[in-house]
C-alpha atoms as a PDB file:
ATOM      1  CA  MET A   1      14.126 126.897 -15.627  1.00  0.00           C
ATOM      2  CA  SER A   2      10.418 126.540 -14.874  1.00  0.00           C
ATOM      3  CA  LEU A   3       8.009 128.612 -16.923  1.00  0.00           C
ATOM      4  CA  PRO A   4       4.979 130.425 -15.517  1.00  0.00           C
ATOM      5  CA  GLY A   5       1.916 128.188 -15.476  1.00  0.00           C
ATOM      6  CA  SER A   6      -0.018 130.401 -17.917  1.00  0.00           C
ATOM      7  CA  LEU A   7       2.866 130.257 -20.382  1.00  0.00           C
ATOM      8  CA  GLU A   8       3.122 126.467 -20.125  1.00  0.00           C
ATOM      9  CA  ARG A   9      -0.609 126.130 -20.731  1.00  0.00           C
ATOM     10  CA  LEU A  10      -0.447 128.325 -23.834  1.00  0.00           C
ATOM     11  CA  ILE A  11       2.519 126.367 -25.223  1.00  0.00           C
ATOM     12  CA  ASN A  12       0.674 123.094 -24.630  1.00  0.00           C
ATOM     13  CA  LEU A  13      -2.421 124.440 -26.381  1.00  0.00           C
ATOM     14  CA  TRP A  14      -0.352 125.717 -29.322  1.00  0.00           C
ATOM     15  CA  GLY A  15       1.258 122.290 -29.600  1.00  0.00           C
ATOM     16  CA  LYS A  16      -2.117 120.743 -30.442  1.00  0.00           C
ATOM     17  CA  PHE A  17      -2.083 122.368 -33.897  1.00  0.00           C
ATOM     18  CA  PRO A  18      -1.372 119.855 -36.714  1.00  0.00           C
ATOM     19  CA  GLY A  19       2.334 119.670 -37.517  1.00  0.00           C
ATOM     20  CA  VAL A  20       3.335 121.783 -34.509  1.00  0.00           C
ATOM     21  CA  GLY A  21       5.648 120.101 -31.997  1.00  0.00           C
ATOM     22  CA  GLY A  22       6.693 121.255 -28.549  1.00  0.00           C
ATOM     23  CA  LYS A  23       9.689 123.305 -29.709  1.00  0.00           C
ATOM     24  CA  THR A  24       7.769 124.993 -32.506  1.00  0.00           C
ATOM     25  CA  ALA A  25       4.909 125.797 -30.142  1.00  0.00           C
ATOM     26  CA  ARG A  26       7.318 127.347 -27.657  1.00  0.00           C
ATOM     27  CA  ARG A  27       8.972 129.407 -30.399  1.00  0.00           C
ATOM     28  CA  MET A  28       5.595 130.691 -31.603  1.00  0.00           C
ATOM     29  CA  VAL A  29       4.479 131.657 -28.104  1.00  0.00           C
ATOM     30  CA  PHE A  30       7.711 133.515 -27.380  1.00  0.00           C
ATOM     31  CA  PHE A  31       7.342 135.294 -30.719  1.00  0.00           C
ATOM     32  CA  MET A  32       3.915 136.437 -29.616  1.00  0.00           C
ATOM     33  CA  LEU A  33       5.362 137.707 -26.331  1.00  0.00           C
ATOM     34  CA  SER A  34       7.860 139.833 -28.256  1.00  0.00           C
ATOM     35  CA  GLN A  35       5.096 141.614 -30.170  1.00  0.00           C
ATOM     36  CA  ASN A  36       3.068 144.665 -29.248  1.00  0.00           C
ATOM     37  CA  PRO A  37       0.435 143.637 -26.655  1.00  0.00           C
ATOM     38  CA  GLU A  38      -2.300 145.060 -28.883  1.00  0.00           C
ATOM     39  CA  TRP A  39      -1.315 142.591 -31.620  1.00  0.00           C
ATOM     40  CA  ALA A  40      -1.803 139.651 -29.256  1.00  0.00           C
ATOM     41  CA  LYS A  41      -5.163 141.067 -28.189  1.00  0.00           C
ATOM     42  CA  SER A  42      -6.236 141.371 -31.830  1.00  0.00           C
ATOM     43  CA  VAL A  43      -5.324 137.697 -32.354  1.00  0.00           C
ATOM     44  CA  ALA A  44      -7.439 136.745 -29.338  1.00  0.00           C
ATOM     45  CA  ARG A  45     -10.359 138.816 -30.642  1.00  0.00           C
ATOM     46  CA  ALA A  46     -10.090 137.217 -34.089  1.00  0.00           C
ATOM     47  CA  ILE A  47     -10.181 133.735 -32.539  1.00  0.00           C
ATOM     48  CA  ASN A  48     -13.241 134.633 -30.470  1.00  0.00           C
ATOM     49  CA  GLU A  49     -15.019 136.051 -33.533  1.00  0.00           C
ATOM     50  CA  VAL A  50     -14.344 132.910 -35.535  1.00  0.00           C
ATOM     51  CA  MET A  51     -15.579 130.636 -32.760  1.00  0.00           C
ATOM     52  CA  ASP A  52     -18.707 132.768 -32.248  1.00  0.00           C
ATOM     53  CA  GLN A  53     -19.642 133.449 -35.864  1.00  0.00           C
ATOM     54  CA  VAL A  54     -18.400 130.612 -38.087  1.00  0.00           C
ATOM     55  CA  ARG A  55     -20.625 127.544 -38.327  1.00  0.00           C
ATOM     56  CA  PRO A  56     -21.335 124.626 -40.689  1.00  0.00           C
ATOM     57  CA  CYS A  57     -23.733 125.253 -43.557  1.00  0.00           C
ATOM     58  CA  SER A  58     -27.050 123.511 -42.834  1.00  0.00           C
ATOM     59  CA  GLU A  59     -27.070 122.141 -46.388  1.00  0.00           C
ATOM     60  CA  CYS A  60     -23.523 121.074 -47.249  1.00  0.00           C
ATOM     61  CA  GLY A  61     -21.546 121.391 -44.003  1.00  0.00           C
ATOM     62  CA  ALA A  62     -19.019 123.901 -45.373  1.00  0.00           C
ATOM     63  CA  ILE A  63     -17.948 126.855 -43.227  1.00  0.00           C
ATOM     64  CA  THR A  64     -20.167 129.926 -43.259  1.00  0.00           C
ATOM     65  CA  THR A  65     -21.460 132.722 -41.059  1.00  0.00           C
ATOM     66  CA  GLU A  66     -25.028 132.187 -42.296  1.00  0.00           C
ATOM     67  CA  ASP A  67     -27.434 129.268 -42.051  1.00  0.00           C
ATOM     68  CA  VAL A  68     -26.857 128.430 -45.728  1.00  0.00           C
ATOM     69  CA  CYS A  69     -23.469 129.154 -47.301  1.00  0.00           C
ATOM     70  CA  SER A  70     -22.898 131.365 -50.349  1.00  0.00           C
ATOM     71  CA  ILE A  71     -22.168 128.319 -52.548  1.00  0.00           C
ATOM     72  CA  CYS A  72     -25.431 126.516 -51.766  1.00  0.00           C
ATOM     73  CA  SER A  73     -27.426 129.713 -52.227  1.00  0.00           C
ATOM     74  CA  ASP A  74     -25.708 130.667 -55.512  1.00  0.00           C
ATOM     75  CA  PRO A  75     -28.172 130.022 -58.396  1.00  0.00           C
ATOM     76  CA  ILE A  76     -25.330 129.960 -60.927  1.00  0.00           C
ATOM     77  CA  ARG A  77     -23.675 126.853 -59.448  1.00  0.00           C
ATOM     78  CA  ASP A  78     -24.156 123.490 -61.167  1.00  0.00           C
ATOM     79  CA  ARG A  79     -26.775 121.904 -58.883  1.00  0.00           C
ATOM     80  CA  LYS A  80     -26.629 118.520 -60.627  1.00  0.00           C
ATOM     81  CA  THR A  81     -23.118 117.735 -59.347  1.00  0.00           C
ATOM     82  CA  ILE A  82     -22.007 117.345 -55.736  1.00  0.00           C
ATOM     83  CA  CYS A  83     -18.355 117.057 -54.756  1.00  0.00           C
ATOM     84  CA  VAL A  84     -18.072 115.020 -51.550  1.00  0.00           C
ATOM     85  CA  VAL A  85     -15.121 115.869 -49.300  1.00  0.00           C
ATOM     86  CA  GLU A  86     -14.051 114.691 -45.875  1.00  0.00           C
ATOM     87  CA  THR A  87     -13.350 118.034 -44.199  1.00  0.00           C
ATOM     88  CA  GLN A  88     -14.230 121.701 -44.483  1.00  0.00           C
ATOM     89  CA  GLU A  89     -10.576 122.410 -45.271  1.00  0.00           C
ATOM     90  CA  ASP A  90     -10.785 120.115 -48.322  1.00  0.00           C
ATOM     91  CA  CYS A  91     -13.820 122.076 -49.479  1.00  0.00           C
ATOM     92  CA  VAL A  92     -11.910 125.368 -49.171  1.00  0.00           C
ATOM     93  CA  ALA A  93      -8.892 123.951 -51.036  1.00  0.00           C
ATOM     94  CA  ILE A  94     -10.976 122.830 -54.027  1.00  0.00           C
ATOM     95  CA  GLU A  95     -13.082 125.992 -54.106  1.00  0.00           C
ATOM     96  CA  GLN A  96     -10.072 128.318 -53.974  1.00  0.00           C
ATOM     97  CA  SER A  97      -8.450 126.412 -56.846  1.00  0.00           C
ATOM     98  CA  GLY A  98     -11.279 127.636 -59.102  1.00  0.00           C
ATOM     99  CA  VAL A  99     -11.486 124.344 -61.016  1.00  0.00           C
ATOM    100  CA  TYR A 100     -14.960 123.233 -59.869  1.00  0.00           C
ATOM    101  CA  GLY A 101     -18.359 124.897 -60.251  1.00  0.00           C
ATOM    102  CA  GLY A 102     -20.831 122.536 -58.594  1.00  0.00           C
ATOM    103  CA  LEU A 103     -22.026 122.015 -55.024  1.00  0.00           C
ATOM    104  CA  TYR A 104     -20.230 120.368 -52.096  1.00  0.00           C
ATOM    105  CA  HIS A 105     -21.008 117.962 -49.296  1.00  0.00           C
ATOM    106  CA  VAL A 106     -18.708 117.777 -46.271  1.00  0.00           C
ATOM    107  CA  LEU A 107     -18.845 114.323 -44.682  1.00  0.00           C
ATOM    108  CA  GLY A 108     -17.347 115.412 -41.382  1.00  0.00           C
ATOM    109  CA  GLY A 109     -15.747 112.017 -40.938  1.00  0.00           C
ATOM    110  CA  LYS A 110     -14.179 109.006 -42.635  1.00  0.00           C
ATOM    111  CA  CYS A 111     -14.011 105.222 -42.407  1.00  0.00           C
ATOM    112  CA  SER A 112     -10.993 104.304 -40.308  1.00  0.00           C
ATOM    113  CA  PRO A 113     -11.528 101.025 -38.396  1.00  0.00           C
ATOM    114  CA  LEU A 114      -8.172 101.254 -36.624  1.00  0.00           C
ATOM    115  CA  ASP A 115      -9.129 104.639 -35.158  1.00  0.00           C
ATOM    116  CA  ASP A 116     -12.760 103.587 -34.627  1.00  0.00           C
ATOM    117  CA  HIS A 117     -13.949 106.375 -36.957  1.00  0.00           C
ATOM    118  CA  GLU A 118     -17.052 106.165 -39.150  1.00  0.00           C
ATOM    119  CA  ILE A 119     -18.948 108.523 -41.448  1.00  0.00           C
ATOM    120  CA  PRO A 120     -21.673 110.231 -39.384  1.00  0.00           C
ATOM    121  CA  GLU A 121     -25.028 108.623 -40.223  1.00  0.00           C
ATOM    122  CA  GLU A 122     -26.732 112.013 -40.330  1.00  0.00           C
ATOM    123  CA  SER A 123     -24.255 113.172 -42.995  1.00  0.00           C
ATOM    124  CA  ILE A 124     -25.059 110.189 -45.223  1.00  0.00           C
ATOM    125  CA  ALA A 125     -28.795 110.751 -44.707  1.00  0.00           C
ATOM    126  CA  LEU A 126     -28.420 114.431 -45.662  1.00  0.00           C
ATOM    127  CA  LEU A 127     -26.446 113.509 -48.789  1.00  0.00           C
ATOM    128  CA  LYS A 128     -29.169 111.081 -49.879  1.00  0.00           C
ATOM    129  CA  ARG A 129     -31.829 113.730 -49.310  1.00  0.00           C
ATOM    130  CA  ARG A 130     -29.906 116.300 -51.367  1.00  0.00           C
ATOM    131  CA  ILE A 131     -29.394 113.792 -54.213  1.00  0.00           C
ATOM    132  CA  ARG A 132     -33.141 113.178 -54.281  1.00  0.00           C
ATOM    133  CA  ASP A 133     -34.323 116.770 -53.865  1.00  0.00           C
ATOM    134  CA  LEU A 134     -31.834 118.295 -56.311  1.00  0.00           C
ATOM    135  CA  ARG A 135     -32.034 115.366 -58.748  1.00  0.00           C
ATOM    136  CA  VAL A 136     -28.260 115.131 -58.727  1.00  0.00           C
ATOM    137  CA  SER A 137     -26.731 113.286 -61.686  1.00  0.00           C
ATOM    138  CA  GLU A 138     -23.135 112.881 -60.455  1.00  0.00           C
ATOM    139  CA  ILE A 139     -21.361 112.522 -57.129  1.00  0.00           C
ATOM    140  CA  ILE A 140     -17.610 113.234 -57.214  1.00  0.00           C
ATOM    141  CA  LEU A 141     -15.747 111.650 -54.321  1.00  0.00           C
ATOM    142  CA  ALA A 142     -12.836 113.987 -53.566  1.00  0.00           C
ATOM    143  CA  LEU A 143     -11.191 111.857 -50.895  1.00  0.00           C
ATOM    144  CA  ASP A 144      -7.531 111.575 -49.931  1.00  0.00           C
ATOM    145  CA  PRO A 145      -5.705 108.769 -51.811  1.00  0.00           C
ATOM    146  CA  ARG A 146      -5.114 106.703 -48.684  1.00  0.00           C
ATOM    147  CA  ILE A 147      -6.576 103.452 -47.349  1.00  0.00           C
ATOM    148  CA  GLU A 148      -9.089 105.471 -45.284  1.00  0.00           C
ATOM    149  CA  GLY A 149     -10.165 107.305 -48.432  1.00  0.00           C
ATOM    150  CA  ASP A 150     -10.670 103.995 -50.241  1.00  0.00           C
ATOM    151  CA  LEU A 151     -12.768 102.588 -47.386  1.00  0.00           C
ATOM    152  CA  THR A 152     -14.820 105.781 -47.257  1.00  0.00           C
ATOM    153  CA  ALA A 153     -15.391 105.700 -51.020  1.00  0.00           C
ATOM    154  CA  PHE A 154     -16.539 102.056 -50.999  1.00  0.00           C
ATOM    155  CA  THR A 155     -18.830 102.731 -48.031  1.00  0.00           C
ATOM    156  CA  LEU A 156     -20.462 105.649 -49.827  1.00  0.00           C
ATOM    157  CA  GLN A 157     -20.779 103.620 -53.018  1.00  0.00           C
ATOM    158  CA  ASP A 158     -22.640 100.958 -51.050  1.00  0.00           C
ATOM    159  CA  GLU A 159     -24.835 103.506 -49.258  1.00  0.00           C
ATOM    160  CA  LEU A 160     -25.808 105.150 -52.546  1.00  0.00           C
ATOM    161  CA  SER A 161     -26.281 101.918 -54.487  1.00  0.00           C
ATOM    162  CA  GLU A 162     -30.067 102.329 -54.562  1.00  0.00           C
ATOM    163  CA  THR A 163     -29.827 105.727 -56.244  1.00  0.00           C
ATOM    164  CA  GLU A 164     -29.274 106.212 -59.970  1.00  0.00           C
ATOM    165  CA  VAL A 165     -26.557 108.795 -59.448  1.00  0.00           C
ATOM    166  CA  ARG A 166     -23.218 108.392 -61.219  1.00  0.00           C
ATOM    167  CA  ILE A 167     -20.367 108.060 -58.718  1.00  0.00           C
ATOM    168  CA  SER A 168     -16.853 109.077 -59.753  1.00  0.00           C
ATOM    169  CA  ARG A 169     -13.617 109.636 -57.875  1.00  0.00           C
ATOM    170  CA  LEU A 170     -10.633 111.934 -58.334  1.00  0.00           C
ATOM    171  CA  SER A 171      -8.002 110.247 -60.449  1.00  0.00           C
ATOM    172  CA  TYR A 172      -4.460 111.018 -61.601  1.00  0.00           C
ATOM    173  CA  GLY A 173      -2.589 113.919 -60.096  1.00  0.00           C
ATOM    174  CA  LEU A 174      -2.991 113.305 -56.382  1.00  0.00           C
ATOM    175  CA  PRO A 175      -0.015 111.456 -54.893  1.00  0.00           C
ATOM    176  CA  VAL A 176      -0.786 108.314 -52.908  1.00  0.00           C
ATOM    177  CA  GLY A 177      -0.804 109.167 -49.218  1.00  0.00           C
ATOM    178  CA  GLY A 178      -1.228 112.879 -49.976  1.00  0.00           C
ATOM    179  CA  SER A 179      -3.854 115.308 -48.785  1.00  0.00           C
ATOM    180  CA  ILE A 180      -6.374 117.295 -50.822  1.00  0.00           C
ATOM    181  CA  GLY A 181      -5.968 120.210 -48.447  1.00  0.00           C
ATOM    182  CA  TYR A 182      -2.346 120.670 -49.587  1.00  0.00           C
ATOM    183  CA  ALA A 183      -2.817 120.025 -53.316  1.00  0.00           C
ATOM    184  CA  ASP A 184      -2.156 122.916 -55.700  1.00  0.00           C
ATOM    185  CA  LYS A 185      -4.529 124.205 -58.389  1.00  0.00           C
ATOM    186  CA  ALA A 186      -2.915 122.286 -61.257  1.00  0.00           C
ATOM    187  CA  THR A 187      -2.987 119.005 -59.346  1.00  0.00           C
ATOM    188  CA  LEU A 188      -6.643 119.415 -58.392  1.00  0.00           C
ATOM    189  CA  HIS A 189      -7.534 120.375 -61.957  1.00  0.00           C
ATOM    190  CA  VAL A 190      -5.933 117.226 -63.383  1.00  0.00           C
ATOM    191  CA  ALA A 191      -7.511 115.059 -60.672  1.00  0.00           C
ATOM    192  CA  LEU A 192     -10.982 116.446 -61.410  1.00  0.00           C
ATOM    193  CA  GLU A 193     -10.664 116.316 -65.199  1.00  0.00           C
ATOM    194  CA  THR A 194      -9.456 112.699 -65.172  1.00  0.00           C
ATOM    195  CA  ARG A 195     -11.887 111.452 -62.522  1.00  0.00           C
ATOM    196  CA  ARG A 196     -13.111 107.909 -63.064  1.00  0.00           C
ATOM    197  CA  GLU A 197     -16.502 106.374 -62.499  1.00  0.00           C
ATOM    198  CA  MET A 198     -16.448 103.850 -59.686  1.00  0.00           C
ATOM    199  CA  GLU A 199     -17.333 100.368 -60.861  1.00  0.00           C
ATOM    200  CA  ASN A 200     -20.101  98.441 -59.167  1.00  0.00           C
ATOM    201  CA  GLU A 201     -18.635  95.428 -57.394  1.00  0.00           C
ATOM    202  CA  GLU A 202     -21.608  93.348 -58.528  1.00  0.00           C
ATOM    203  CA  ASP A 203     -20.846  93.977 -62.223  1.00  0.00           C
END
């Protein structure tokens, strides 16, 4: 049985979500069709609002509806510590856990030679500027415990070698191959509390 073209297109679009295969996408779309039409319209409106209003913070890169996010503009936050994450989702996961009270920096990329991915140069330049302007004393690398996370950490360590900032990385608690975005509060708390300073390769 052939499906209407509009339905096929929606299923294909839904299937682009992480972890959603063809069958799951089809099931989700048919669920939507079984709902009140006004519900589907409200979903469409919500998506449009997010795409129109949500943007990266000009300082840290986290999601916000303003030029500078509420975390960067909060005078109570510890401005001497910056937690560096790969994605905006990682930032949300750590912030919602309530175990960290400093600032963030979203890289917006990672080192993955096989996928031809690199950390955006402008993100590294912004991080260096923030370290200098805020006189940051510690950078916490909250990167996934995978080979890409290791490569990203070593790249950042090299890029920041001329600064006097202490560089540490999340330690025990995060399973190898796991993702920060899916870690629970207890796991993130242990990983932050037991973070280790990265050793200089020249030492």
